[in-house]
Protein backbone atom coordinates (compact mmCIF):
# COMPACT_ATOMS: atom_id res chain seq x y z
CA MET A 1 0.00 0.00 0.00
CA LEU A 2 2.75 2.44 0.96
CA SER A 3 4.58 2.16 -2.35
CA SER A 4 1.36 2.39 -4.37
CA VAL A 5 0.45 5.69 -2.68
CA TYR A 6 3.91 7.06 -3.39
CA GLU A 7 3.75 5.86 -7.00
CA LYS A 8 0.31 7.41 -7.53
CA ILE A 9 1.40 10.79 -6.12
CA VAL A 10 4.51 10.83 -8.31
CA GLU A 11 2.27 9.99 -11.30
CA ILE A 12 -0.08 12.88 -10.45
CA VAL A 13 2.83 15.32 -10.10
CA LYS A 14 4.35 14.13 -13.39
CA ARG A 15 1.03 14.64 -15.17
CA HIS A 16 0.85 18.23 -13.96
CA LEU A 17 4.49 18.93 -14.80
CA TYR A 18 4.21 17.49 -18.29
CA GLU A 19 2.65 20.71 -19.54
CA ILE A 20 5.63 22.83 -18.45
CA ALA A 21 8.55 20.40 -18.42
CA PRO A 22 7.81 17.01 -20.03
CA GLU A 23 11.42 15.88 -19.72
CA MET A 24 11.59 16.58 -15.97
CA GLU A 25 12.45 13.54 -13.86
CA VAL A 26 10.29 13.23 -10.76
CA THR A 27 11.32 11.07 -7.81
CA LEU A 28 10.37 10.98 -4.15
CA GLU A 29 13.44 13.07 -3.38
CA SER A 30 12.57 15.75 -5.94
CA ARG A 31 12.12 19.14 -4.35
CA LEU A 32 8.82 20.78 -5.25
CA ILE A 33 10.43 24.15 -5.80
CA ASP A 34 13.09 22.64 -8.08
CA LEU A 35 10.32 21.10 -10.19
CA GLY A 36 8.89 24.56 -10.79
CA ILE A 37 5.71 23.91 -8.86
CA ASN A 38 4.09 27.14 -7.73
CA SER A 39 1.06 27.70 -5.51
CA ILE A 40 -1.42 27.47 -8.41
CA GLY A 41 0.11 24.24 -9.71
CA PHE A 42 0.18 22.84 -6.20
CA ILE A 43 -3.54 23.52 -5.73
CA LYS A 44 -4.27 21.66 -8.98
CA ILE A 45 -2.26 18.70 -7.67
CA ILE A 46 -4.09 18.86 -4.33
CA VAL A 47 -7.49 18.79 -6.03
CA GLU A 48 -6.53 15.64 -7.92
CA VAL A 49 -5.12 14.01 -4.78
CA GLU A 50 -8.27 14.87 -2.80
CA ASN A 51 -10.41 13.31 -5.51
CA GLU A 52 -8.19 10.23 -5.74
CA TYR A 53 -8.07 9.54 -1.99
CA ASP A 54 -11.43 11.05 -0.98
CA PHE A 55 -10.26 13.46 1.72
CA GLU A 56 -9.66 17.17 2.06
CA PHE A 57 -6.46 18.92 3.04
CA ASN A 58 -6.66 21.10 6.13
CA ASP A 59 -6.47 24.78 5.21
CA LEU A 60 -3.19 25.11 7.12
CA ASP A 61 -1.70 22.31 5.02
CA LEU A 62 -2.35 23.96 1.64
CA ASP A 63 0.92 25.89 1.58
CA PHE A 64 3.25 24.14 -0.85
CA LYS A 65 6.26 25.56 1.01
CA LYS A 66 5.37 23.21 3.86
CA TYR A 67 6.48 20.23 1.74
CA VAL A 68 10.10 20.30 0.66
CA THR A 69 10.12 17.06 -1.33
CA ILE A 70 7.59 14.83 -3.03
CA LYS A 71 8.18 12.35 -0.21
CA ASP A 72 7.19 14.97 2.40
CA PHE A 73 3.97 15.52 0.45
CA CYS A 74 3.37 11.76 0.15
CA ASP A 75 3.95 11.24 3.86
CA TYR A 76 1.25 13.79 4.67
CA ILE A 77 -1.19 12.15 2.24
CA LEU A 78 -0.42 8.69 3.56
CA LYS A 79 -1.03 9.84 7.13
CA LYS A 80 -4.41 11.32 6.15
CA TYR A 81 -5.31 8.26 4.08
CA ILE A 82 -4.52 5.83 6.90
CA GLN A 83 -6.75 7.82 9.25
CA LEU A 84 -9.65 7.20 6.85
CA ILE A 85 -9.32 3.43 6.65
């Protein structure tokens, strides 16, 4: 389950980055800021994640600067997802 959540989040991020940088490599250690993700792009990613995992981010957790790497973002999502099951 853990790896599938990570893989799905990386896939979602890649899909959103494809429009601006299709050649960009995305890994769990990729830094969001280095990928060129801004607040608007991050909100688009959040909407897709919320739809995929059927939960809502807390308002305080919507700041993309809170998550340095993709793994940090995945860890938050996994924590929320586990609380639901």
